[in-house]
Protein backbone atom coordinates (compact mmCIF):
# COMPACT_ATOMS: atom_id res chain seq x y z
CA UNK A 1 102.29 -4.65 145.27
CA UNK A 2 101.41 -1.36 143.45
CA UNK A 3 104.11 1.30 143.24
CA UNK A 4 104.06 3.85 146.03
CA UNK A 5 102.91 7.35 145.29
CA UNK A 6 105.68 9.90 145.78
CA UNK A 7 105.70 11.57 149.15
CA UNK A 8 104.55 15.17 149.33
CA UNK A 9 108.12 16.40 149.69
CA UNK A 10 109.38 14.49 146.63
CA UNK A 11 106.38 15.55 144.56
CA UNK A 12 107.00 19.19 145.50
CA UNK A 13 110.63 18.87 144.33
CA UNK A 14 109.73 17.10 141.09
CA UNK A 15 107.05 19.59 140.05
CA UNK A 16 109.41 22.60 139.77
CA UNK A 17 111.90 20.48 137.80
CA UNK A 18 109.23 19.39 135.34
CA UNK A 19 107.92 22.95 135.03
CA UNK A 20 111.48 24.17 134.44
CA UNK A 21 112.08 21.56 131.72
CA UNK A 22 108.81 22.47 130.01
CA UNK A 23 109.67 26.17 130.17
CA UNK A 24 113.13 25.53 128.70
CA UNK A 25 111.62 23.47 125.88
CA UNK A 26 109.15 26.25 125.09
CA UNK A 27 111.93 28.84 125.08
CA UNK A 28 114.12 26.66 122.88
CA UNK A 29 111.33 26.11 120.39
CA UNK A 30 110.29 29.75 120.51
CA UNK A 31 113.78 31.08 119.91
CA UNK A 32 114.33 29.09 116.73
CA UNK A 33 110.77 28.74 115.45
CA UNK A 34 110.77 32.34 114.26
CA UNK A 35 114.41 32.63 113.20
CA UNK A 36 115.03 34.10 109.81
CA UNK A 37 116.09 31.59 107.16
CA UNK A 38 119.44 32.50 105.62
CA UNK A 39 120.14 31.09 102.18
CA UNK A 40 122.90 31.43 99.65
CA UNK A 41 121.67 32.23 96.12
CA UNK A 42 124.75 30.39 94.81
CA UNK A 43 124.52 27.42 97.20
CA UNK A 44 127.63 28.46 99.17
CA UNK A 45 127.94 25.91 102.03
CA UNK A 46 129.65 28.50 104.29
CA UNK A 47 126.25 30.12 104.84
CA UNK A 48 125.30 27.33 107.30
CA UNK A 49 127.51 28.97 109.97
CA UNK A 50 125.56 32.21 109.65
CA UNK A 51 122.25 30.38 110.06
CA UNK A 52 123.54 28.98 113.36
CA UNK A 53 124.30 32.54 114.47
CA UNK A 54 120.82 33.72 113.44
CA UNK A 55 119.19 30.82 115.27
CA UNK A 56 120.95 31.79 118.50
CA UNK A 57 119.77 35.41 118.70
CA UNK A 58 118.02 36.65 121.83
CA UNK A 59 115.67 38.93 119.86
CA UNK A 60 112.95 38.36 117.26
CA UNK A 61 114.21 38.30 113.68
CA UNK A 62 112.67 39.25 110.36
CA UNK A 63 110.35 36.56 109.08
CA UNK A 64 110.99 34.61 105.92
CA UNK A 65 114.17 34.32 103.90
CA UNK A 66 117.24 36.55 103.71
CA UNK A 67 119.79 35.90 100.97
CA UNK A 68 123.43 36.03 102.08
CA UNK A 69 126.20 36.75 99.59
CA UNK A 70 129.74 36.41 100.93
CA UNK A 71 131.12 39.24 98.82
CA UNK A 72 131.72 42.94 99.30
CA UNK A 73 128.73 45.22 98.95
CA UNK A 74 128.10 45.93 95.25
CA UNK A 75 128.25 49.69 95.82
CA UNK A 76 131.09 51.41 97.69
CA UNK A 77 129.26 52.22 100.93
CA UNK A 78 130.73 49.50 103.15
CA UNK A 79 132.19 46.00 103.07
CA UNK A 80 128.85 44.85 104.45
CA UNK A 81 125.37 46.00 103.49
CA UNK A 82 121.82 44.85 102.90
CA UNK A 83 119.75 45.41 99.78
CA UNK A 84 116.15 45.58 100.95
CA UNK A 85 113.80 43.75 98.63
CA UNK A 86 111.98 40.46 98.37
CA UNK A 87 113.96 38.80 99.80
CA UNK A 88 116.50 41.14 101.40
CA UNK A 89 120.09 40.37 100.36
CA UNK A 90 122.93 40.78 102.85
CA UNK A 91 126.46 41.22 101.49
CA UNK A 92 129.39 40.45 103.77
CA UNK A 93 132.88 41.09 102.45
CA UNK A 94 135.87 39.23 103.83
CA UNK A 95 136.64 41.87 106.49
CA UNK A 96 133.16 41.89 108.09
CA UNK A 97 132.13 38.24 108.32
CA UNK A 98 131.46 38.47 112.04
CA UNK A 99 128.42 37.63 114.11
CA UNK A 100 128.07 41.29 115.13
CA UNK A 101 128.06 42.49 111.51
CA UNK A 102 125.64 39.80 110.33
CA UNK A 103 123.25 40.80 113.12
CA UNK A 104 123.71 44.50 112.26
CA UNK A 105 122.53 43.76 108.72
CA UNK A 106 119.70 41.55 110.00
CA UNK A 107 118.78 44.54 112.17
CA UNK A 108 118.30 46.60 109.01
CA UNK A 109 116.06 43.87 107.57
CA UNK A 110 114.10 43.77 110.85
CA UNK A 111 113.72 47.56 110.71
CA UNK A 112 112.38 47.42 107.14
CA UNK A 113 109.95 44.61 107.91
CA UNK A 114 108.82 45.28 111.48
CA UNK A 115 109.37 48.85 112.63
CA UNK A 116 106.79 51.58 112.23
CA UNK A 117 107.37 55.33 112.25
CA UNK A 118 106.22 55.26 115.88
CA UNK A 119 108.93 52.68 116.65
CA UNK A 120 111.53 54.90 114.98
CA UNK A 121 110.38 57.84 117.11
CA UNK A 122 110.42 55.69 120.27
CA UNK A 123 113.99 54.53 119.54
CA UNK A 124 115.15 58.10 118.94
CA UNK A 125 113.38 59.29 122.11
CA UNK A 126 115.43 56.86 124.21
CA UNK A 127 118.53 58.81 123.14
CA UNK A 128 117.02 62.29 122.73
CA UNK A 129 117.76 62.19 118.99
CA UNK A 130 115.43 64.25 116.81
CA UNK A 131 117.13 63.81 113.45
CA UNK A 132 115.40 62.14 110.49
CA UNK A 133 115.67 58.32 110.59
CA UNK A 134 117.99 58.38 107.60
CA UNK A 135 120.28 61.36 108.02
CA UNK A 136 123.92 62.16 107.52
CA UNK A 137 126.70 60.40 109.38
CA UNK A 138 125.80 58.09 112.25
CA UNK A 139 122.12 58.17 111.40
CA UNK A 140 119.48 56.75 113.75
CA UNK A 141 118.80 53.89 111.32
CA UNK A 142 122.46 52.80 111.50
CA UNK A 143 122.45 53.19 115.27
CA UNK A 144 119.31 51.03 115.42
CA UNK A 145 121.10 48.29 113.47
CA UNK A 146 123.94 48.46 116.02
CA UNK A 147 121.37 48.34 118.83
CA UNK A 148 119.65 45.31 117.28
CA UNK A 149 122.99 43.50 116.97
CA UNK A 150 123.85 44.23 120.59
CA UNK A 151 120.42 43.17 121.92
CA UNK A 152 120.54 40.00 119.80
CA UNK A 153 123.93 39.05 121.28
CA UNK A 154 123.60 40.49 124.79
CA UNK A 155 120.04 41.14 126.00
CA UNK A 156 121.56 42.60 129.19
CA UNK A 157 124.67 44.70 129.67
CA UNK A 158 126.23 45.85 132.95
CA UNK A 159 128.10 48.92 131.76
CA UNK A 160 127.85 51.53 129.04
CA UNK A 161 128.68 50.11 125.62
CA UNK A 162 130.07 51.90 122.57
CA UNK A 163 129.71 50.51 119.05
CA UNK A 164 130.05 51.72 115.47
CA UNK A 165 128.11 54.67 114.06
CA UNK A 166 128.51 56.63 117.30
CA UNK A 167 126.15 54.28 119.12
CA UNK A 168 126.65 54.57 122.88
CA UNK A 169 124.14 53.02 125.25
CA UNK A 170 123.73 52.72 129.01
CA UNK A 171 122.32 49.55 130.61
CA UNK A 172 118.97 51.33 131.24
CA UNK A 173 118.76 52.54 127.62
CA UNK A 174 119.71 49.07 126.41
CA UNK A 175 116.84 47.49 128.35
CA UNK A 176 114.41 49.96 126.75
CA UNK A 177 115.78 49.32 123.24
CA UNK A 178 115.61 45.54 123.62
CA UNK A 179 112.03 45.83 124.93
CA UNK A 180 111.11 47.94 121.90
CA UNK A 181 112.55 45.27 119.57
CA UNK A 182 110.62 42.52 121.38
CA UNK A 183 107.37 44.50 121.09
CA UNK A 184 107.93 45.13 117.39
CA UNK A 185 108.72 41.46 116.84
CA UNK A 186 105.49 40.40 118.52
CA UNK A 187 103.39 42.32 115.98
CA UNK A 188 102.68 41.17 112.42
CA UNK A 189 105.28 42.28 109.89
CA UNK A 190 104.65 45.74 108.42
CA UNK A 191 105.96 44.64 105.03
CA UNK A 192 109.15 45.16 103.10
CA UNK A 193 110.66 48.54 102.51
CA UNK A 194 111.22 49.59 98.90
CA UNK A 195 114.48 48.29 97.43
CA UNK A 196 117.38 50.25 98.88
CA UNK A 197 120.92 49.67 100.03
CA UNK A 198 121.84 50.13 103.67
CA UNK A 199 125.30 49.77 105.18
């Protein structure tokens, strides 16, 4: 006797489950397929933990490779920094080896590779900030790195959030910032910024 075809009610229940599983598989592949590759120039095995953190971000990342050196920044600007170049090199000293700080520095690399001047202006407009992108204390470029880190860890927030570099964001502003990052990540990379250190 041939197997019975599923009844209409069972088929209607099964279809959403299958669609849901397919959607989850696409999201899972999409979230890691474009994750930045973090490598240690010295072969430090501790870097594997940081790759796991990068793979789990909720935002697009820079493309290609980022070197990670688990040492203090080579110039006295911070315990963590990124030297933009090919590839960018992130330095994380012993006091800043956190997921939030790693993603802050990846945010700088994303900025250098993906953001345009129009993106900078759009980010500043969300906060009514008219200063140059790189200006004195608490500059917009540092606040963007904080914003990237927050969006990468928490694509939605329910209350105002305060972070380093004077970055304070409401849930509505946060949605706009995360949307800006997603749009920038969907475009081809703009290229690497000239070699420079950023905290």
